[in-house]
Amino acid sequence: MKVSKNHRAYWQKNLRVTAILLVIWFVVTYVVGYFARDLDFSFFGWPFSFWVASQGALVVYVLIIWFYATYMNKLDKAHDVAEEE
């Protein structure tokens, strides 16, 4: 099966954005969480390390999902592979 240039460009962009978002996810989940104990200051009345662990990561996860869905919809339309509405 021969893959067109359009298909190859679509998947390269898809893989690139997926890799970037996975790096962001890794940093938020493991790197920030690991160093959160060292962040010893108050943030809205709570220790910042608690806020990062309980609230900040969840906000970032939702933003990652929103960005990926929006980006892929635009990419699908740009490469003529969007689902019909």
PDB file of N, CA and C in Angstrom:
ATOM      1  N   MET A   1       0.842  -1.170   0.000  1.00  0.00           N
ATOM      2  CA  MET A   1       0.000   0.000   0.000  1.00  0.00           C
ATOM      3  C   MET A   1       0.894   1.242   0.000  1.00  0.00           C
ATOM      4  N   LYS A   2       0.636   2.103  -0.942  1.00  0.00           N
ATOM      5  CA  LYS A   2       1.425   3.321  -1.064  1.00  0.00           C
ATOM      6  C   LYS A   2       0.749   4.450  -0.286  1.00  0.00           C
ATOM      7  N   VAL A   3       1.557   5.167   0.481  1.00  0.00           N
ATOM      8  CA  VAL A   3       1.046   6.261   1.303  1.00  0.00           C
ATOM      9  C   VAL A   3       1.331   7.582   0.595  1.00  0.00           C
ATOM     10  N   SER A   4       0.289   8.418   0.516  1.00  0.00           N
ATOM     11  CA  SER A   4       0.451   9.701  -0.180  1.00  0.00           C
ATOM     12  C   SER A   4       1.236  10.689   0.690  1.00  0.00           C
ATOM     13  N   LYS A   5       1.713  11.737   0.030  1.00  0.00           N
ATOM     14  CA  LYS A   5       2.449  12.784   0.756  1.00  0.00           C
ATOM     15  C   LYS A   5       1.536  13.483   1.765  1.00  0.00           C
ATOM     16  N   ASN A   6       0.282  13.656   1.396  1.00  0.00           N
ATOM     17  CA  ASN A   6      -0.686  14.284   2.290  1.00  0.00           C
ATOM     18  C   ASN A   6      -0.857  13.440   3.564  1.00  0.00           C
ATOM     19  N   HIS A   7      -0.971  12.138   3.390  1.00  0.00           N
ATOM     20  CA  HIS A   7      -1.136  11.232   4.527  1.00  0.00           C
ATOM     21  C   HIS A   7       0.115  11.239   5.404  1.00  0.00           C
ATOM     22  N   ARG A   8       1.266  11.221   4.802  1.00  0.00           N
ATOM     23  CA  ARG A   8       2.520  11.225   5.550  1.00  0.00           C
ATOM     24  C   ARG A   8       2.686  12.534   6.330  1.00  0.00           C
ATOM     25  N   ALA A   9       2.360  13.678   5.712  1.00  0.00           N
ATOM     26  CA  ALA A   9       2.456  14.968   6.397  1.00  0.00           C
ATOM     27  C   ALA A   9       1.479  15.035   7.563  1.00  0.00           C
ATOM     28  N   TYR A  10       0.278  14.494   7.355  1.00  0.00           N
ATOM     29  CA  TYR A  10      -0.733  14.455   8.410  1.00  0.00           C
ATOM     30  C   TYR A  10      -0.213  13.686   9.624  1.00  0.00           C
ATOM     31  N   TRP A  11       0.346  12.517   9.401  1.00  0.00           N
ATOM     32  CA  TRP A  11       0.826  11.698  10.519  1.00  0.00           C
ATOM     33  C   TRP A  11       2.068  12.281  11.171  1.00  0.00           C
ATOM     34  N   GLN A  12       2.922  12.939  10.423  1.00  0.00           N
ATOM     35  CA  GLN A  12       4.090  13.579  11.031  1.00  0.00           C
ATOM     36  C   GLN A  12       3.660  14.689  11.981  1.00  0.00           C
ATOM     37  N   LYS A  13       2.691  15.490  11.557  1.00  0.00           N
ATOM     38  CA  LYS A  13       2.190  16.551  12.432  1.00  0.00           C
ATOM     39  C   LYS A  13       1.472  15.967  13.645  1.00  0.00           C
ATOM     40  N   ASN A  14       0.714  14.906  13.431  1.00  0.00           N
ATOM     41  CA  ASN A  14       0.014  14.242  14.521  1.00  0.00           C
ATOM     42  C   ASN A  14       1.010  13.686  15.541  1.00  0.00           C
ATOM     43  N   LEU A  15       2.035  13.009  15.074  1.00  0.00           N
ATOM     44  CA  LEU A  15       3.038  12.453  15.981  1.00  0.00           C
ATOM     45  C   LEU A  15       3.820  13.537  16.706  1.00  0.00           C
ATOM     46  N   ARG A  16       4.101  14.631  16.020  1.00  0.00           N
ATOM     47  CA  ARG A  16       4.844  15.728  16.644  1.00  0.00           C
ATOM     48  C   ARG A  16       4.049  16.341  17.791  1.00  0.00           C
ATOM     49  N   VAL A  17       2.784  16.653  17.563  1.00  0.00           N
ATOM     50  CA  VAL A  17       1.977  17.260  18.626  1.00  0.00           C
ATOM     51  C   VAL A  17       1.738  16.258  19.755  1.00  0.00           C
ATOM     52  N   THR A  18       1.582  14.990  19.438  1.00  0.00           N
ATOM     53  CA  THR A  18       1.419  13.974  20.470  1.00  0.00           C
ATOM     54  C   THR A  18       2.666  13.870  21.339  1.00  0.00           C
ATOM     55  N   ALA A  19       3.834  13.888  20.723  1.00  0.00           N
ATOM     56  CA  ALA A  19       5.090  13.820  21.481  1.00  0.00           C
ATOM     57  C   ALA A  19       5.248  15.037  22.390  1.00  0.00           C
ATOM     58  N   ILE A  20       4.940  16.208  21.887  1.00  0.00           N
ATOM     59  CA  ILE A  20       5.051  17.428  22.694  1.00  0.00           C
ATOM     60  C   ILE A  20       4.104  17.379  23.888  1.00  0.00           C
ATOM     61  N   LEU A  21       2.869  16.947  23.649  1.00  0.00           N
ATOM     62  CA  LEU A  21       1.900  16.867  24.737  1.00  0.00           C
ATOM     63  C   LEU A  21       2.275  15.794  25.753  1.00  0.00           C
ATOM     64  N   LEU A  22       2.871  14.701  25.299  1.00  0.00           N
ATOM     65  CA  LEU A  22       3.334  13.669  26.234  1.00  0.00           C
ATOM     66  C   LEU A  22       4.488  14.170  27.092  1.00  0.00           C
ATOM     67  N   VAL A  23       5.350  14.980  26.527  1.00  0.00           N
ATOM     68  CA  VAL A  23       6.440  15.572  27.314  1.00  0.00           C
ATOM     69  C   VAL A  23       5.861  16.508  28.372  1.00  0.00           C
ATOM     70  N   ILE A  24       4.875  17.319  27.997  1.00  0.00           N
ATOM     71  CA  ILE A  24       4.225  18.205  28.962  1.00  0.00           C
ATOM     72  C   ILE A  24       3.564  17.378  30.063  1.00  0.00           C
ATOM     73  N   TRP A  25       2.861  16.311  29.691  1.00  0.00           N
ATOM     74  CA  TRP A  25       2.224  15.434  30.670  1.00  0.00           C
ATOM     75  C   TRP A  25       3.257  14.842  31.628  1.00  0.00           C
ATOM     76  N   PHE A  26       4.375  14.373  31.100  1.00  0.00           N
ATOM     77  CA  PHE A  26       5.422  13.784  31.931  1.00  0.00           C
ATOM     78  C   PHE A  26       5.978  14.809  32.913  1.00  0.00           C
ATOM     79  N   VAL A  27       6.254  16.004  32.423  1.00  0.00           N
ATOM     80  CA  VAL A  27       6.808  17.053  33.289  1.00  0.00           C
ATOM     81  C   VAL A  27       5.823  17.393  34.407  1.00  0.00           C
ATOM     82  N   VAL A  28       4.548  17.559  34.066  1.00  0.00           N
ATOM     83  CA  VAL A  28       3.543  17.916  35.070  1.00  0.00           C
ATOM     84  C   VAL A  28       3.353  16.778  36.075  1.00  0.00           C
ATOM     85  N   THR A  29       3.344  15.546  35.596  1.00  0.00           N
ATOM     86  CA  THR A  29       3.064  14.414  36.462  1.00  0.00           C
ATOM     87  C   THR A  29       4.242  14.046  37.348  1.00  0.00           C
ATOM     88  N   TYR A  30       5.426  13.965  36.787  1.00  0.00           N
ATOM     89  CA  TYR A  30       6.560  13.444  37.527  1.00  0.00           C
ATOM     90  C   TYR A  30       7.559  14.518  37.978  1.00  0.00           C
ATOM     91  N   VAL A  31       7.933  15.405  37.107  1.00  0.00           N
ATOM     92  CA  VAL A  31       8.975  16.377  37.446  1.00  0.00           C
ATOM     93  C   VAL A  31       8.457  17.407  38.443  1.00  0.00           C
ATOM     94  N   VAL A  32       7.327  18.042  38.152  1.00  0.00           N
ATOM     95  CA  VAL A  32       6.779  19.042  39.062  1.00  0.00           C
ATOM     96  C   VAL A  32       6.380  18.388  40.383  1.00  0.00           C
ATOM     97  N   GLY A  33       5.771  17.223  40.315  1.00  0.00           N
ATOM     98  CA  GLY A  33       5.394  16.519  41.539  1.00  0.00           C
ATOM     99  C   GLY A  33       6.589  16.141  42.394  1.00  0.00           C
ATOM    100  N   TYR A  34       7.667  15.767  41.764  1.00  0.00           N
ATOM    101  CA  TYR A  34       8.874  15.379  42.491  1.00  0.00           C
ATOM    102  C   TYR A  34       9.488  16.576  43.221  1.00  0.00           C
ATOM    103  N   PHE A  35       9.507  17.718  42.567  1.00  0.00           N
ATOM    104  CA  PHE A  35      10.117  18.903  43.163  1.00  0.00           C
ATOM    105  C   PHE A  35       9.117  19.759  43.947  1.00  0.00           C
ATOM    106  N   ALA A  36       7.866  19.326  44.040  1.00  0.00           N
ATOM    107  CA  ALA A  36       6.842  20.142  44.706  1.00  0.00           C
ATOM    108  C   ALA A  36       7.132  20.341  46.188  1.00  0.00           C
ATOM    109  N   ARG A  37       7.745  19.370  46.842  1.00  0.00           N
ATOM    110  CA  ARG A  37       8.055  19.526  48.271  1.00  0.00           C
ATOM    111  C   ARG A  37       9.001  20.695  48.519  1.00  0.00           C
ATOM    112  N   ASP A  38       9.857  20.960  47.534  1.00  0.00           N
ATOM    113  CA  ASP A  38      10.797  22.068  47.688  1.00  0.00           C
ATOM    114  C   ASP A  38      10.134  23.429  47.502  1.00  0.00           C
ATOM    115  N   LEU A  39       8.939  23.442  46.960  1.00  0.00           N
ATOM    116  CA  LEU A  39       8.213  24.696  46.731  1.00  0.00           C
ATOM    117  C   LEU A  39       7.434  25.032  47.997  1.00  0.00           C
ATOM    118  N   ASP A  40       8.079  25.645  48.937  1.00  0.00           N
ATOM    119  CA  ASP A  40       7.505  25.856  50.256  1.00  0.00           C
ATOM    120  C   ASP A  40       7.015  27.295  50.412  1.00  0.00           C
ATOM    121  N   PHE A  41       5.872  27.584  49.779  1.00  0.00           N
ATOM    122  CA  PHE A  41       5.238  28.884  49.973  1.00  0.00           C
ATOM    123  C   PHE A  41       3.730  28.703  49.860  1.00  0.00           C
ATOM    124  N   SER A  42       2.994  29.684  50.367  1.00  0.00           N
ATOM    125  CA  SER A  42       1.543  29.588  50.407  1.00  0.00           C
ATOM    126  C   SER A  42       0.953  30.085  49.085  1.00  0.00           C
ATOM    127  N   PHE A  43      -0.031  29.354  48.581  1.00  0.00           N
ATOM    128  CA  PHE A  43      -0.702  29.690  47.329  1.00  0.00           C
ATOM    129  C   PHE A  43      -2.199  29.612  47.582  1.00  0.00           C
ATOM    130  N   PHE A  44      -2.881  30.744  47.629  1.00  0.00           N
ATOM    131  CA  PHE A  44      -4.307  30.827  47.972  1.00  0.00           C
ATOM    132  C   PHE A  44      -4.608  30.171  49.311  1.00  0.00           C
ATOM    133  N   GLY A  45      -3.688  30.333  50.255  1.00  0.00           N
ATOM    134  CA  GLY A  45      -3.909  29.810  51.599  1.00  0.00           C
ATOM    135  C   GLY A  45      -3.509  28.356  51.801  1.00  0.00           C
ATOM    136  N   TRP A  46      -3.075  27.684  50.759  1.00  0.00           N
ATOM    137  CA  TRP A  46      -2.653  26.281  50.863  1.00  0.00           C
ATOM    138  C   TRP A  46      -1.179  26.192  50.495  1.00  0.00           C
ATOM    139  N   PRO A  47      -0.488  25.188  51.003  1.00  0.00           N
ATOM    140  CA  PRO A  47       0.903  24.984  50.569  1.00  0.00           C
ATOM    141  C   PRO A  47       0.930  24.725  49.058  1.00  0.00           C
ATOM    142  N   PHE A  48       1.864  25.320  48.368  1.00  0.00           N
ATOM    143  CA  PHE A  48       1.918  25.193  46.912  1.00  0.00           C
ATOM    144  C   PHE A  48       2.073  23.746  46.471  1.00  0.00           C
ATOM    145  N   SER A  49       2.824  22.951  47.211  1.00  0.00           N
ATOM    146  CA  SER A  49       3.003  21.541  46.836  1.00  0.00           C
ATOM    147  C   SER A  49       1.667  20.799  46.843  1.00  0.00           C
ATOM    148  N   PHE A  50       0.799  21.099  47.809  1.00  0.00           N
ATOM    149  CA  PHE A  50      -0.523  20.483  47.843  1.00  0.00           C
ATOM    150  C   PHE A  50      -1.346  20.926  46.641  1.00  0.00           C
ATOM    151  N   TRP A  51      -1.290  22.213  46.323  1.00  0.00           N
ATOM    152  CA  TRP A  51      -2.066  22.731  45.195  1.00  0.00           C
ATOM    153  C   TRP A  51      -1.629  22.084  43.896  1.00  0.00           C
ATOM    154  N   VAL A  52      -0.313  21.941  43.692  1.00  0.00           N
ATOM    155  CA  VAL A  52       0.194  21.314  42.465  1.00  0.00           C
ATOM    156  C   VAL A  52      -0.312  19.882  42.361  1.00  0.00           C
ATOM    157  N   ALA A  53      -0.242  19.155  43.457  1.00  0.00           N
ATOM    158  CA  ALA A  53      -0.632  17.748  43.432  1.00  0.00           C
ATOM    159  C   ALA A  53      -2.130  17.560  43.242  1.00  0.00           C
ATOM    160  N   SER A  54      -2.934  18.413  43.875  1.00  0.00           N
ATOM    161  CA  SER A  54      -4.373  18.158  43.855  1.00  0.00           C
ATOM    162  C   SER A  54      -5.138  18.928  42.787  1.00  0.00           C
ATOM    163  N   GLN A  55      -4.667  20.078  42.396  1.00  0.00           N
ATOM    164  CA  GLN A  55      -5.437  20.897  41.475  1.00  0.00           C
ATOM    165  C   GLN A  55      -4.709  21.235  40.177  1.00  0.00           C
ATOM    166  N   GLY A  56      -3.480  21.644  40.280  1.00  0.00           N
ATOM    167  CA  GLY A  56      -2.755  22.128  39.111  1.00  0.00           C
ATOM    168  C   GLY A  56      -2.594  21.093  38.021  1.00  0.00           C
ATOM    169  N   ALA A  57      -2.265  19.872  38.401  1.00  0.00           N
ATOM    170  CA  ALA A  57      -2.072  18.827  37.400  1.00  0.00           C
ATOM    171  C   ALA A  57      -3.375  18.530  36.665  1.00  0.00           C
ATOM    172  N   LEU A  58      -4.483  18.503  37.381  1.00  0.00           N
ATOM    173  CA  LEU A  58      -5.770  18.229  36.735  1.00  0.00           C
ATOM    174  C   LEU A  58      -6.134  19.299  35.713  1.00  0.00           C
ATOM    175  N   VAL A  59      -5.840  20.540  36.053  1.00  0.00           N
ATOM    176  CA  VAL A  59      -6.112  21.643  35.116  1.00  0.00           C
ATOM    177  C   VAL A  59      -5.268  21.467  33.854  1.00  0.00           C
ATOM    178  N   VAL A  60      -4.011  21.124  34.034  1.00  0.00           N
ATOM    179  CA  VAL A  60      -3.131  20.931  32.879  1.00  0.00           C
ATOM    180  C   VAL A  60      -3.614  19.747  32.034  1.00  0.00           C
ATOM    181  N   TYR A  61      -4.063  18.670  32.654  1.00  0.00           N
ATOM    182  CA  TYR A  61      -4.557  17.510  31.895  1.00  0.00           C
ATOM    183  C   TYR A  61      -5.770  17.886  31.047  1.00  0.00           C
ATOM    184  N   VAL A  62      -6.677  18.645  31.606  1.00  0.00           N
ATOM    185  CA  VAL A  62      -7.857  19.073  30.845  1.00  0.00           C
ATOM    186  C   VAL A  62      -7.444  19.981  29.696  1.00  0.00           C
ATOM    187  N   LEU A  63      -6.487  20.869  29.926  1.00  0.00           N
ATOM    188  CA  LEU A  63      -5.999  21.746  28.853  1.00  0.00           C
ATOM    189  C   LEU A  63      -5.305  20.944  27.752  1.00  0.00           C
ATOM    190  N   ILE A  64      -4.582  19.912  28.107  1.00  0.00           N
ATOM    191  CA  ILE A  64      -3.937  19.057  27.104  1.00  0.00           C
ATOM    192  C   ILE A  64      -4.994  18.389  26.233  1.00  0.00           C
ATOM    193  N   ILE A  65      -6.037  17.853  26.861  1.00  0.00           N
ATOM    194  CA  ILE A  65      -7.111  17.189  26.101  1.00  0.00           C
ATOM    195  C   ILE A  65      -7.813  18.181  25.188  1.00  0.00           C
ATOM    196  N   TRP A  66      -8.129  19.373  25.709  1.00  0.00           N
ATOM    197  CA  TRP A  66      -8.791  20.397  24.896  1.00  0.00           C
ATOM    198  C   TRP A  66      -7.921  20.809  23.710  1.00  0.00           C
ATOM    199  N   PHE A  67      -6.638  21.052  23.963  1.00  0.00           N
ATOM    200  CA  PHE A  67      -5.743  21.471  22.887  1.00  0.00           C
ATOM    201  C   PHE A  67      -5.635  20.387  21.816  1.00  0.00           C
ATOM    202  N   TYR A  68      -5.472  19.135  22.232  1.00  0.00           N
ATOM    203  CA  TYR A  68      -5.325  18.046  21.262  1.00  0.00           C
ATOM    204  C   TYR A  68      -6.581  17.909  20.399  1.00  0.00           C
ATOM    205  N   ALA A  69      -7.740  17.963  21.013  1.00  0.00           N
ATOM    206  CA  ALA A  69      -8.987  17.840  20.248  1.00  0.00           C
ATOM    207  C   ALA A  69      -9.144  18.990  19.257  1.00  0.00           C
ATOM    208  N   THR A  70      -8.865  20.206  19.692  1.00  0.00           N
ATOM    209  CA  THR A  70      -8.967  21.372  18.814  1.00  0.00           C
ATOM    210  C   THR A  70      -7.952  21.296  17.685  1.00  0.00           C
ATOM    211  N   TYR A  71      -6.718  20.964  18.023  1.00  0.00           N
ATOM    212  CA  TYR A  71      -5.657  20.879  17.016  1.00  0.00           C
ATOM    213  C   TYR A  71      -5.965  19.795  15.984  1.00  0.00           C
ATOM    214  N   MET A  72      -6.412  18.642  16.440  1.00  0.00           N
ATOM    215  CA  MET A  72      -6.686  17.550  15.501  1.00  0.00           C
ATOM    216  C   MET A  72      -7.882  17.862  14.611  1.00  0.00           C
ATOM    217  N   ASN A  73      -8.881  18.559  15.114  1.00  0.00           N
ATOM    218  CA  ASN A  73      -9.997  18.963  14.250  1.00  0.00           C
ATOM    219  C   ASN A  73      -9.517  19.880  13.128  1.00  0.00           C
ATOM    220  N   LYS A  74      -8.652  20.836  13.473  1.00  0.00           N
ATOM    221  CA  LYS A  74      -8.106  21.735  12.452  1.00  0.00           C
ATOM    222  C   LYS A  74      -7.207  20.981  11.478  1.00  0.00           C
ATOM    223  N   LEU A  75      -6.403  20.058  11.998  1.00  0.00           N
ATOM    224  CA  LEU A  75      -5.510  19.275  11.146  1.00  0.00           C
ATOM    225  C   LEU A  75      -6.307  18.371  10.208  1.00  0.00           C
ATOM    226  N   ASP A  76      -7.365  17.764  10.717  1.00  0.00           N
ATOM    227  CA  ASP A  76      -8.231  16.925   9.875  1.00  0.00           C
ATOM    228  C   ASP A  76      -8.824  17.724   8.725  1.00  0.00           C
ATOM    229  N   LYS A  77      -9.302  18.921   9.022  1.00  0.00           N
ATOM    230  CA  LYS A  77      -9.881  19.762   7.969  1.00  0.00           C
ATOM    231  C   LYS A  77      -8.822  20.205   6.973  1.00  0.00           C
ATOM    232  N   ALA A  78      -7.630  20.517   7.450  1.00  0.00           N
ATOM    233  CA  ALA A  78      -6.562  20.976   6.561  1.00  0.00           C
ATOM    234  C   ALA A  78      -6.099  19.881   5.609  1.00  0.00           C
ATOM    235  N   HIS A  79      -6.196  18.619   6.027  1.00  0.00           N
ATOM    236  CA  HIS A  79      -5.735  17.499   5.202  1.00  0.00           C
ATOM    237  C   HIS A  79      -6.901  16.705   4.600  1.00  0.00           C
ATOM    238  N   ASP A  80      -8.087  17.257   4.667  1.00  0.00           N
ATOM    239  CA  ASP A  80      -9.283  16.657   4.063  1.00  0.00           C
ATOM    240  C   ASP A  80      -9.563  15.253   4.571  1.00  0.00           C
ATOM    241  N   VAL A  81      -9.429  15.046   5.866  1.00  0.00           N
ATOM    242  CA  VAL A  81      -9.783  13.761   6.460  1.00  0.00           C
ATOM    243  C   VAL A  81     -10.796  13.941   7.589  1.00  0.00           C
ATOM    244  N   ALA A  82     -11.443  15.097   7.632  1.00  0.00           N
ATOM    245  CA  ALA A  82     -12.414  15.384   8.690  1.00  0.00           C
ATOM    246  C   ALA A  82     -13.668  14.540   8.489  1.00  0.00           C
ATOM    247  N   GLU A  83     -14.277  14.201   9.613  1.00  0.00           N
ATOM    248  CA  GLU A  83     -15.538  13.469   9.550  1.00  0.00           C
ATOM    249  C   GLU A  83     -16.634  14.414   9.085  1.00  0.00           C
ATOM    250  N   GLU A  84     -17.597  13.862   8.393  1.00  0.00           N
ATOM    251  CA  GLU A  84     -18.711  14.676   7.918  1.00  0.00           C
ATOM    252  C   GLU A  84     -19.628  14.995   9.082  1.00  0.00           C
ATOM    253  N   GLU A  85     -20.137  16.217   9.087  1.00  0.00           N
ATOM    254  CA  GLU A  85     -21.035  16.636  10.179  1.00  0.00           C
ATOM    255  C   GLU A  85     -22.457  16.656   9.711  1.00  0.00           C
TER     256      GLU A  85
END
